[in-house]
Amino acid sequence: MSTVALFIKHRTLPGKREEVRRVWEKHMAPAISANPAHTAYFYCFDNTDPDAICAFQQYASAEAATEFLKTTSYLAYLQEVEPLLAGPPLVTSLTPMWSKGP
């Protein structure tokens, strides 16, 4: 596989998780849906932490992942969401070795 995946964990400020989700839905959901280089994406609330959000992303390539970070949608998302976060996300880069496809 030549794809690349990312696992991201965000910590929101206390009680701000729903607000962060609304910002994500405003900017990221449409951008990701329109991006063919996003081959999989899961945006999840952590069931054990009311101030944590996890995302699993799979891209067609490492270059596609890097390019997405330069889009106007992503930059607008960052500007609006950063004041709601407790700090930078924990990002783990992964190499998919197997996946179940549709």
PDB file of N, CA and C in Angstrom:
ATOM      1  N   MET A   1       0.842  -1.189   0.000  1.00  0.00           N
ATOM      2  CA  MET A   1       0.000   0.000   0.000  1.00  0.00           C
ATOM      3  C   MET A   1       0.880   1.244   0.000  1.00  0.00           C
ATOM      4  N   SER A   2       0.490   2.243  -0.774  1.00  0.00           N
ATOM      5  CA  SER A   2       1.244   3.489  -0.783  1.00  0.00           C
ATOM      6  C   SER A   2       0.511   4.591  -0.021  1.00  0.00           C
ATOM      7  N   THR A   3      -0.566   4.231   0.632  1.00  0.00           N
ATOM      8  CA  THR A   3      -1.330   5.230   1.373  1.00  0.00           C
ATOM      9  C   THR A   3      -0.637   5.578   2.676  1.00  0.00           C
ATOM     10  N   VAL A   4      -1.082   6.684   3.270  1.00  0.00           N
ATOM     11  CA  VAL A   4      -0.582   7.098   4.572  1.00  0.00           C
ATOM     12  C   VAL A   4      -1.811   7.392   5.437  1.00  0.00           C
ATOM     13  N   ALA A   5      -1.694   7.103   6.713  1.00  0.00           N
ATOM     14  CA  ALA A   5      -2.803   7.357   7.634  1.00  0.00           C
ATOM     15  C   ALA A   5      -2.309   8.184   8.808  1.00  0.00           C
ATOM     16  N   LEU A   6      -3.227   8.905   9.406  1.00  0.00           N
ATOM     17  CA  LEU A   6      -2.924   9.699  10.584  1.00  0.00           C
ATOM     18  C   LEU A   6      -3.963   9.394  11.653  1.00  0.00           C
ATOM     19  N   PHE A   7      -3.499   9.272  12.887  1.00  0.00           N
ATOM     20  CA  PHE A   7      -4.396   9.203  14.036  1.00  0.00           C
ATOM     21  C   PHE A   7      -4.134  10.467  14.838  1.00  0.00           C
ATOM     22  N   ILE A   8      -5.192  11.239  15.063  1.00  0.00           N
ATOM     23  CA  ILE A   8      -5.050  12.542  15.714  1.00  0.00           C
ATOM     24  C   ILE A   8      -5.948  12.591  16.939  1.00  0.00           C
ATOM     25  N   LYS A   9      -5.398  13.063  18.052  1.00  0.00           N
ATOM     26  CA  LYS A   9      -6.190  13.243  19.263  1.00  0.00           C
ATOM     27  C   LYS A   9      -6.107  14.698  19.686  1.00  0.00           C
ATOM     28  N   HIS A  10      -7.276  15.327  19.772  1.00  0.00           N
ATOM     29  CA  HIS A  10      -7.398  16.719  20.210  1.00  0.00           C
ATOM     30  C   HIS A  10      -7.927  16.758  21.637  1.00  0.00           C
ATOM     31  N   ARG A  11      -7.425  17.702  22.421  1.00  0.00           N
ATOM     32  CA  ARG A  11      -8.000  18.010  23.744  1.00  0.00           C
ATOM     33  C   ARG A  11      -8.612  19.391  23.621  1.00  0.00           C
ATOM     34  N   THR A  12      -9.895  19.472  23.897  1.00  0.00           N
ATOM     35  CA  THR A  12     -10.561  20.762  23.853  1.00  0.00           C
ATOM     36  C   THR A  12     -10.483  21.421  25.222  1.00  0.00           C
ATOM     37  N   LEU A  13     -10.743  22.708  25.255  1.00  0.00           N
ATOM     38  CA  LEU A  13     -10.923  23.356  26.540  1.00  0.00           C
ATOM     39  C   LEU A  13     -12.152  22.722  27.194  1.00  0.00           C
ATOM     40  N   PRO A  14     -12.233  22.722  28.512  1.00  0.00           N
ATOM     41  CA  PRO A  14     -13.361  22.074  29.178  1.00  0.00           C
ATOM     42  C   PRO A  14     -14.717  22.572  28.644  1.00  0.00           C
ATOM     43  N   GLY A  15     -15.541  21.607  28.263  1.00  0.00           N
ATOM     44  CA  GLY A  15     -16.886  21.905  27.794  1.00  0.00           C
ATOM     45  C   GLY A  15     -16.990  22.445  26.376  1.00  0.00           C
ATOM     46  N   LYS A  16     -15.911  22.444  25.619  1.00  0.00           N
ATOM     47  CA  LYS A  16     -15.909  23.037  24.275  1.00  0.00           C
ATOM     48  C   LYS A  16     -15.979  22.005  23.147  1.00  0.00           C
ATOM     49  N   ARG A  17     -16.125  20.723  23.470  1.00  0.00           N
ATOM     50  CA  ARG A  17     -16.082  19.690  22.434  1.00  0.00           C
ATOM     51  C   ARG A  17     -17.169  19.882  21.375  1.00  0.00           C
ATOM     52  N   GLU A  18     -18.386  20.171  21.766  1.00  0.00           N
ATOM     53  CA  GLU A  18     -19.471  20.370  20.790  1.00  0.00           C
ATOM     54  C   GLU A  18     -19.202  21.584  19.901  1.00  0.00           C
ATOM     55  N   GLU A  19     -18.644  22.625  20.473  1.00  0.00           N
ATOM     56  CA  GLU A  19     -18.312  23.811  19.687  1.00  0.00           C
ATOM     57  C   GLU A  19     -17.217  23.489  18.666  1.00  0.00           C
ATOM     58  N   VAL A  20     -16.223  22.710  19.082  1.00  0.00           N
ATOM     59  CA  VAL A  20     -15.170  22.281  18.157  1.00  0.00           C
ATOM     60  C   VAL A  20     -15.778  21.449  17.033  1.00  0.00           C
ATOM     61  N   ARG A  21     -16.710  20.566  17.377  1.00  0.00           N
ATOM     62  CA  ARG A  21     -17.368  19.742  16.346  1.00  0.00           C
ATOM     63  C   ARG A  21     -18.090  20.630  15.332  1.00  0.00           C
ATOM     64  N   ARG A  22     -18.769  21.660  15.787  1.00  0.00           N
ATOM     65  CA  ARG A  22     -19.480  22.558  14.861  1.00  0.00           C
ATOM     66  C   ARG A  22     -18.502  23.268  13.917  1.00  0.00           C
ATOM     67  N   VAL A  23     -17.355  23.678  14.444  1.00  0.00           N
ATOM     68  CA  VAL A  23     -16.334  24.310  13.597  1.00  0.00           C
ATOM     69  C   VAL A  23     -15.810  23.294  12.586  1.00  0.00           C
ATOM     70  N   TRP A  24     -15.567  22.066  13.032  1.00  0.00           N
ATOM     71  CA  TRP A  24     -15.094  21.008  12.125  1.00  0.00           C
ATOM     72  C   TRP A  24     -16.121  20.754  11.023  1.00  0.00           C
ATOM     73  N   GLU A  25     -17.390  20.657  11.388  1.00  0.00           N
ATOM     74  CA  GLU A  25     -18.441  20.401  10.401  1.00  0.00           C
ATOM     75  C   GLU A  25     -18.562  21.551   9.396  1.00  0.00           C
ATOM     76  N   LYS A  26     -18.333  22.760   9.846  1.00  0.00           N
ATOM     77  CA  LYS A  26     -18.413  23.936   8.975  1.00  0.00           C
ATOM     78  C   LYS A  26     -17.309  23.946   7.923  1.00  0.00           C
ATOM     79  N   HIS A  27     -16.083  23.669   8.346  1.00  0.00           N
ATOM     80  CA  HIS A  27     -14.932  23.787   7.450  1.00  0.00           C
ATOM     81  C   HIS A  27     -14.445  22.453   6.885  1.00  0.00           C
ATOM     82  N   MET A  28     -14.303  21.467   7.745  1.00  0.00           N
ATOM     83  CA  MET A  28     -13.620  20.246   7.343  1.00  0.00           C
ATOM     84  C   MET A  28     -14.514  19.231   6.648  1.00  0.00           C
ATOM     85  N   ALA A  29     -15.715  19.028   7.143  1.00  0.00           N
ATOM     86  CA  ALA A  29     -16.577  18.004   6.526  1.00  0.00           C
ATOM     87  C   ALA A  29     -16.757  18.247   5.024  1.00  0.00           C
ATOM     88  N   PRO A  30     -17.090  19.471   4.591  1.00  0.00           N
ATOM     89  CA  PRO A  30     -17.219  19.668   3.141  1.00  0.00           C
ATOM     90  C   PRO A  30     -15.895  19.515   2.392  1.00  0.00           C
ATOM     91  N   ALA A  31     -14.802  19.992   2.988  1.00  0.00           N
ATOM     92  CA  ALA A  31     -13.498  19.909   2.316  1.00  0.00           C
ATOM     93  C   ALA A  31     -13.045  18.456   2.175  1.00  0.00           C
ATOM     94  N   ILE A  32     -13.242  17.669   3.210  1.00  0.00           N
ATOM     95  CA  ILE A  32     -12.844  16.262   3.169  1.00  0.00           C
ATOM     96  C   ILE A  32     -13.724  15.486   2.208  1.00  0.00           C
ATOM     97  N   SER A  33     -15.029  15.752   2.247  1.00  0.00           N
ATOM     98  CA  SER A  33     -15.951  15.059   1.333  1.00  0.00           C
ATOM     99  C   SER A  33     -15.593  15.330  -0.128  1.00  0.00           C
ATOM    100  N   ALA A  34     -15.120  16.529  -0.420  1.00  0.00           N
ATOM    101  CA  ALA A  34     -14.782  16.905  -1.797  1.00  0.00           C
ATOM    102  C   ALA A  34     -13.366  16.503  -2.206  1.00  0.00           C
ATOM    103  N   ASN A  35     -12.583  15.991  -1.274  1.00  0.00           N
ATOM    104  CA  ASN A  35     -11.179  15.683  -1.550  1.00  0.00           C
ATOM    105  C   ASN A  35     -11.007  14.199  -1.872  1.00  0.00           C
ATOM    106  N   PRO A  36     -10.772  13.851  -3.134  1.00  0.00           N
ATOM    107  CA  PRO A  36     -10.606  12.440  -3.485  1.00  0.00           C
ATOM    108  C   PRO A  36      -9.360  11.800  -2.860  1.00  0.00           C
ATOM    109  N   ALA A  37      -8.410  12.605  -2.413  1.00  0.00           N
ATOM    110  CA  ALA A  37      -7.198  12.059  -1.787  1.00  0.00           C
ATOM    111  C   ALA A  37      -7.454  11.563  -0.366  1.00  0.00           C
ATOM    112  N   HIS A  38      -8.570  11.973   0.241  1.00  0.00           N
ATOM    113  CA  HIS A  38      -8.985  11.389   1.526  1.00  0.00           C
ATOM    114  C   HIS A  38      -9.714  10.089   1.202  1.00  0.00           C
ATOM    115  N   THR A  39      -9.056   8.977   1.428  1.00  0.00           N
ATOM    116  CA  THR A  39      -9.673   7.693   1.085  1.00  0.00           C
ATOM    117  C   THR A  39     -10.476   7.122   2.241  1.00  0.00           C
ATOM    118  N   ALA A  40     -10.261   7.630   3.445  1.00  0.00           N
ATOM    119  CA  ALA A  40     -11.065   7.256   4.618  1.00  0.00           C
ATOM    120  C   ALA A  40     -10.913   8.355   5.658  1.00  0.00           C
ATOM    121  N   TYR A  41     -11.976   8.563   6.429  1.00  0.00           N
ATOM    122  CA  TYR A  41     -11.917   9.570   7.486  1.00  0.00           C
ATOM    123  C   TYR A  41     -12.968   9.238   8.529  1.00  0.00           C
ATOM    124  N   PHE A  42     -12.548   9.206   9.774  1.00  0.00           N
ATOM    125  CA  PHE A  42     -13.455   8.983  10.899  1.00  0.00           C
ATOM    126  C   PHE A  42     -13.217  10.083  11.924  1.00  0.00           C
ATOM    127  N   TYR A  43     -14.245  10.824  12.249  1.00  0.00           N
ATOM    128  CA  TYR A  43     -14.202  11.884  13.259  1.00  0.00           C
ATOM    129  C   TYR A  43     -14.981  11.355  14.450  1.00  0.00           C
ATOM    130  N   CYS A  44     -14.319  11.215  15.604  1.00  0.00           N
ATOM    131  CA  CYS A  44     -14.916  10.487  16.722  1.00  0.00           C
ATOM    132  C   CYS A  44     -14.773  11.238  18.036  1.00  0.00           C
ATOM    133  N   PHE A  45     -15.785  11.115  18.877  1.00  0.00           N
ATOM    134  CA  PHE A  45     -15.689  11.566  20.255  1.00  0.00           C
ATOM    135  C   PHE A  45     -15.159  10.415  21.094  1.00  0.00           C
ATOM    136  N   ASP A  46     -14.268  10.726  22.011  1.00  0.00           N
ATOM    137  CA  ASP A  46     -13.730   9.740  22.954  1.00  0.00           C
ATOM    138  C   ASP A  46     -14.818   9.466  24.000  1.00  0.00           C
ATOM    139  N   ASN A  47     -15.215   8.216  24.138  1.00  0.00           N
ATOM    140  CA  ASN A  47     -16.280   7.849  25.084  1.00  0.00           C
ATOM    141  C   ASN A  47     -15.866   7.967  26.544  1.00  0.00           C
ATOM    142  N   THR A  48     -14.577   8.046  26.807  1.00  0.00           N
ATOM    143  CA  THR A  48     -14.104   8.085  28.196  1.00  0.00           C
ATOM    144  C   THR A  48     -13.625   9.465  28.637  1.00  0.00           C
ATOM    145  N   ASP A  49     -13.612  10.423  27.710  1.00  0.00           N
ATOM    146  CA  ASP A  49     -13.113  11.763  28.028  1.00  0.00           C
ATOM    147  C   ASP A  49     -13.999  12.791  27.337  1.00  0.00           C
ATOM    148  N   PRO A  50     -14.761  13.581  28.090  1.00  0.00           N
ATOM    149  CA  PRO A  50     -15.696  14.529  27.481  1.00  0.00           C
ATOM    150  C   PRO A  50     -15.032  15.710  26.772  1.00  0.00           C
ATOM    151  N   ASP A  51     -13.725  15.811  26.875  1.00  0.00           N
ATOM    152  CA  ASP A  51     -13.003  16.902  26.224  1.00  0.00           C
ATOM    153  C   ASP A  51     -11.992  16.389  25.200  1.00  0.00           C
ATOM    154  N   ALA A  52     -12.226  15.201  24.662  1.00  0.00           N
ATOM    155  CA  ALA A  52     -11.289  14.627  23.690  1.00  0.00           C
ATOM    156  C   ALA A  52     -12.009  14.245  22.399  1.00  0.00           C
ATOM    157  N   ILE A  53     -11.318  14.508  21.298  1.00  0.00           N
ATOM    158  CA  ILE A  53     -11.786  14.162  19.957  1.00  0.00           C
ATOM    159  C   ILE A  53     -10.656  13.409  19.274  1.00  0.00           C
ATOM    160  N   CYS A  54     -10.999  12.316  18.606  1.00  0.00           N
ATOM    161  CA  CYS A  54     -10.014  11.544  17.853  1.00  0.00           C
ATOM    162  C   CYS A  54     -10.439  11.499  16.389  1.00  0.00           C
ATOM    163  N   ALA A  55      -9.470  11.516  15.510  1.00  0.00           N
ATOM    164  CA  ALA A  55      -9.749  11.397  14.084  1.00  0.00           C
ATOM    165  C   ALA A  55      -8.773  10.401  13.478  1.00  0.00           C
ATOM    166  N   PHE A  56      -9.296   9.565  12.608  1.00  0.00           N
ATOM    167  CA  PHE A  56      -8.464   8.672  11.814  1.00  0.00           C
ATOM    168  C   PHE A  56      -8.642   9.091  10.368  1.00  0.00           C
ATOM    169  N   GLN A  57      -7.526   9.371   9.711  1.00  0.00           N
ATOM    170  CA  GLN A  57      -7.549   9.811   8.319  1.00  0.00           C
ATOM    171  C   GLN A  57      -6.663   8.907   7.488  1.00  0.00           C
ATOM    172  N   GLN A  58      -7.118   8.583   6.301  1.00  0.00           N
ATOM    173  CA  GLN A  58      -6.261   7.867   5.362  1.00  0.00           C
ATOM    174  C   GLN A  58      -6.231   8.673   4.069  1.00  0.00           C
ATOM    175  N   TYR A  59      -5.029   8.891   3.574  1.00  0.00           N
ATOM    176  CA  TYR A  59      -4.808   9.647   2.343  1.00  0.00           C
ATOM    177  C   TYR A  59      -4.236   8.723   1.271  1.00  0.00           C
ATOM    178  N   ALA A  60      -4.414   9.122   0.033  1.00  0.00           N
ATOM    179  CA  ALA A  60      -3.876   8.362  -1.090  1.00  0.00           C
ATOM    180  C   ALA A  60      -2.352   8.358  -1.094  1.00  0.00           C
ATOM    181  N   SER A  61      -1.748   9.409  -0.509  1.00  0.00           N
ATOM    182  CA  SER A  61      -0.287   9.492  -0.465  1.00  0.00           C
ATOM    183  C   SER A  61       0.134  10.487   0.612  1.00  0.00           C
ATOM    184  N   ALA A  62       1.408  10.432   0.972  1.00  0.00           N
ATOM    185  CA  ALA A  62       1.948  11.394   1.934  1.00  0.00           C
ATOM    186  C   ALA A  62       1.897  12.809   1.362  1.00  0.00           C
ATOM    187  N   GLU A  63       2.117  12.937   0.071  1.00  0.00           N
ATOM    188  CA  GLU A  63       2.063  14.251  -0.571  1.00  0.00           C
ATOM    189  C   GLU A  63       0.655  14.843  -0.483  1.00  0.00           C
ATOM    190  N   ALA A  64      -0.349  14.018  -0.657  1.00  0.00           N
ATOM    191  CA  ALA A  64      -1.738  14.485  -0.563  1.00  0.00           C
ATOM    192  C   ALA A  64      -2.043  14.981   0.846  1.00  0.00           C
ATOM    193  N   ALA A  65      -1.522  14.296   1.846  1.00  0.00           N
ATOM    194  CA  ALA A  65      -1.727  14.721   3.232  1.00  0.00           C
ATOM    195  C   ALA A  65      -1.088  16.085   3.473  1.00  0.00           C
ATOM    196  N   THR A  66       0.110  16.273   2.982  1.00  0.00           N
ATOM    197  CA  THR A  66       0.820  17.544   3.135  1.00  0.00           C
ATOM    198  C   THR A  66       0.100  18.669   2.391  1.00  0.00           C
ATOM    199  N   GLU A  67      -0.362  18.388   1.194  1.00  0.00           N
ATOM    200  CA  GLU A  67      -1.048  19.404   0.394  1.00  0.00           C
ATOM    201  C   GLU A  67      -2.358  19.851   1.037  1.00  0.00           C
ATOM    202  N   PHE A  68      -3.064  18.931   1.692  1.00  0.00           N
ATOM    203  CA  PHE A  68      -4.339  19.287   2.316  1.00  0.00           C
ATOM    204  C   PHE A  68      -4.138  20.338   3.409  1.00  0.00           C
ATOM    205  N   LEU A  69      -3.001  20.296   4.080  1.00  0.00           N
ATOM    206  CA  LEU A  69      -2.722  21.255   5.147  1.00  0.00           C
ATOM    207  C   LEU A  69      -2.542  22.684   4.635  1.00  0.00           C
ATOM    208  N   LYS A  70      -2.425  22.847   3.318  1.00  0.00           N
ATOM    209  CA  LYS A  70      -2.243  24.167   2.717  1.00  0.00           C
ATOM    210  C   LYS A  70      -3.540  24.747   2.155  1.00  0.00           C
ATOM    211  N   THR A  71      -4.631  23.999   2.234  1.00  0.00           N
ATOM    212  CA  THR A  71      -5.883  24.458   1.635  1.00  0.00           C
ATOM    213  C   THR A  71      -6.501  25.593   2.444  1.00  0.00           C
ATOM    214  N   THR A  72      -7.280  26.423   1.778  1.00  0.00           N
ATOM    215  CA  THR A  72      -7.946  27.529   2.470  1.00  0.00           C
ATOM    216  C   THR A  72      -8.933  27.020   3.511  1.00  0.00           C
ATOM    217  N   SER A  73      -9.577  25.899   3.241  1.00  0.00           N
ATOM    218  CA  SER A  73     -10.527  25.328   4.214  1.00  0.00           C
ATOM    219  C   SER A  73      -9.815  24.934   5.497  1.00  0.00           C
ATOM    220  N   TYR A  74      -8.684  24.268   5.368  1.00  0.00           N
ATOM    221  CA  TYR A  74      -7.946  23.837   6.560  1.00  0.00           C
ATOM    222  C   TYR A  74      -7.412  25.044   7.335  1.00  0.00           C
ATOM    223  N   LEU A  75      -6.892  26.033   6.643  1.00  0.00           N
ATOM    224  CA  LEU A  75      -6.352  27.218   7.311  1.00  0.00           C
ATOM    225  C   LEU A  75      -7.461  28.003   8.024  1.00  0.00           C
ATOM    226  N   ALA A  76      -8.639  28.081   7.421  1.00  0.00           N
ATOM    227  CA  ALA A  76      -9.772  28.750   8.075  1.00  0.00           C
ATOM    228  C   ALA A  76     -10.223  27.971   9.308  1.00  0.00           C
ATOM    229  N   TYR A  77     -10.228  26.643   9.202  1.00  0.00           N
ATOM    230  CA  TYR A  77     -10.562  25.781  10.336  1.00  0.00           C
ATOM    231  C   TYR A  77      -9.596  26.031  11.491  1.00  0.00           C
ATOM    232  N   LEU A  78      -8.315  26.031  11.207  1.00  0.00           N
ATOM    233  CA  LEU A  78      -7.315  26.258  12.256  1.00  0.00           C
ATOM    234  C   LEU A  78      -7.533  27.586  12.969  1.00  0.00           C
ATOM    235  N   GLN A  79      -7.761  28.622  12.201  1.00  0.00           N
ATOM    236  CA  GLN A  79      -7.937  29.950  12.785  1.00  0.00           C
ATOM    237  C   GLN A  79      -9.136  29.975  13.736  1.00  0.00           C
ATOM    238  N   GLU A  80     -10.210  29.299  13.368  1.00  0.00           N
ATOM    239  CA  GLU A  80     -11.412  29.323  14.191  1.00  0.00           C
ATOM    240  C   GLU A  80     -11.356  28.350  15.364  1.00  0.00           C
ATOM    241  N   VAL A  81     -10.663  27.218  15.194  1.00  0.00           N
ATOM    242  CA  VAL A  81     -10.699  26.167  16.210  1.00  0.00           C
ATOM    243  C   VAL A  81      -9.610  26.303  17.273  1.00  0.00           C
ATOM    244  N   GLU A  82      -8.466  26.855  16.936  1.00  0.00           N
ATOM    245  CA  GLU A  82      -7.349  26.882  17.887  1.00  0.00           C
ATOM    246  C   GLU A  82      -7.688  27.515  19.236  1.00  0.00           C
ATOM    247  N   PRO A  83      -8.493  28.592  19.294  1.00  0.00           N
ATOM    248  CA  PRO A  83      -8.830  29.156  20.611  1.00  0.00           C
ATOM    249  C   PRO A  83      -9.694  28.219  21.479  1.00  0.00           C
ATOM    250  N   LEU A  84     -10.254  27.173  20.884  1.00  0.00           N
ATOM    251  CA  LEU A  84     -11.115  26.235  21.610  1.00  0.00           C
ATOM    252  C   LEU A  84     -10.366  24.991  22.086  1.00  0.00           C
ATOM    253  N   LEU A  85      -9.097  24.871  21.700  1.00  0.00           N
ATOM    254  CA  LEU A  85      -8.302  23.682  22.025  1.00  0.00           C
ATOM    255  C   LEU A  85      -7.376  23.943  23.205  1.00  0.00           C
ATOM    256  N   ALA A  86      -7.094  22.884  23.953  1.00  0.00           N
ATOM    257  CA  ALA A  86      -6.215  22.978  25.117  1.00  0.00           C
ATOM    258  C   ALA A  86      -4.738  23.029  24.716  1.00  0.00           C
ATOM    259  N   GLY A  87      -4.442  22.723  23.476  1.00  0.00           N
ATOM    260  CA  GLY A  87      -3.070  22.719  22.987  1.00  0.00           C
ATOM    261  C   GLY A  87      -3.020  22.023  21.648  1.00  0.00           C
ATOM    262  N   PRO A  88      -1.824  21.829  21.119  1.00  0.00           N
ATOM    263  CA  PRO A  88      -1.702  21.142  19.831  1.00  0.00           C
ATOM    264  C   PRO A  88      -2.145  19.691  19.940  1.00  0.00           C
ATOM    265  N   PRO A  89      -2.602  19.117  18.836  1.00  0.00           N
ATOM    266  CA  PRO A  89      -3.034  17.718  18.864  1.00  0.00           C
ATOM    267  C   PRO A  89      -1.849  16.767  18.942  1.00  0.00           C
ATOM    268  N   LEU A  90      -2.147  15.567  19.400  1.00  0.00           N
ATOM    269  CA  LEU A  90      -1.184  14.472  19.332  1.00  0.00           C
ATOM    270  C   LEU A  90      -1.419  13.794  17.989  1.00  0.00           C
ATOM    271  N   VAL A  91      -0.403  13.786  17.131  1.00  0.00           N
ATOM    272  CA  VAL A  91      -0.530  13.237  15.782  1.00  0.00           C
ATOM    273  C   VAL A  91       0.399  12.043  15.641  1.00  0.00           C
ATOM    274  N   THR A  92      -0.168  10.926  15.214  1.00  0.00           N
ATOM    275  CA  THR A  92       0.613   9.726  14.944  1.00  0.00           C
ATOM    276  C   THR A  92       0.494   9.405  13.466  1.00  0.00           C
ATOM    277  N   SER A  93       1.620   9.325  12.776  1.00  0.00           N
ATOM    278  CA  SER A  93       1.635   8.962  11.364  1.00  0.00           C
ATOM    279  C   SER A  93       1.761   7.452  11.251  1.00  0.00           C
ATOM    280  N   LEU A  94       0.953   6.870  10.365  1.00  0.00           N
ATOM    281  CA  LEU A  94       0.877   5.415  10.246  1.00  0.00           C
ATOM    282  C   LEU A  94       1.030   4.986   8.789  1.00  0.00           C
ATOM    283  N   THR A  95       1.542   3.791   8.579  1.00  0.00           N
ATOM    284  CA  THR A  95       1.589   3.183   7.265  1.00  0.00           C
ATOM    285  C   THR A  95       0.604   2.028   7.258  1.00  0.00           C
ATOM    286  N   PRO A  96      -0.522   2.168   6.547  1.00  0.00           N
ATOM    287  CA  PRO A  96      -1.481   1.068   6.500  1.00  0.00           C
ATOM    288  C   PRO A  96      -0.873  -0.158   5.824  1.00  0.00           C
ATOM    289  N   MET A  97      -1.038  -1.278   6.452  1.00  0.00           N
ATOM    290  CA  MET A  97      -0.528  -2.535   5.902  1.00  0.00           C
ATOM    291  C   MET A  97      -1.654  -3.404   5.350  1.00  0.00           C
ATOM    292  N   TRP A  98      -2.876  -3.163   5.830  1.00  0.00           N
ATOM    293  CA  TRP A  98      -4.052  -3.885   5.360  1.00  0.00           C
ATOM    294  C   TRP A  98      -5.280  -3.102   5.763  1.00  0.00           C
ATOM    295  N   SER A  99      -6.287  -3.100   4.949  1.00  0.00           N
ATOM    296  CA  SER A  99      -7.562  -2.485   5.326  1.00  0.00           C
ATOM    297  C   SER A  99      -8.694  -3.216   4.616  1.00  0.00           C
ATOM    298  N   LYS A 100      -9.841  -3.139   5.219  1.00  0.00           N
ATOM    299  CA  LYS A 100     -11.030  -3.720   4.622  1.00  0.00           C
ATOM    300  C   LYS A 100     -11.691  -2.633   3.796  1.00  0.00           C
ATOM    301  N   GLY A 101     -11.851  -2.847   2.540  1.00  0.00           N
ATOM    302  CA  GLY A 101     -12.449  -1.860   1.662  1.00  0.00           C
ATOM    303  C   GLY A 101     -13.942  -2.078   1.493  1.00  0.00           C
ATOM    304  N   PRO A 102     -14.597  -1.112   0.866  1.00  0.00           N
ATOM    305  CA  PRO A 102     -16.037  -1.236   0.634  1.00  0.00           C
ATOM    306  C   PRO A 102     -16.374  -2.322  -0.356  1.00  0.00           C
TER     307      PRO A 102
END
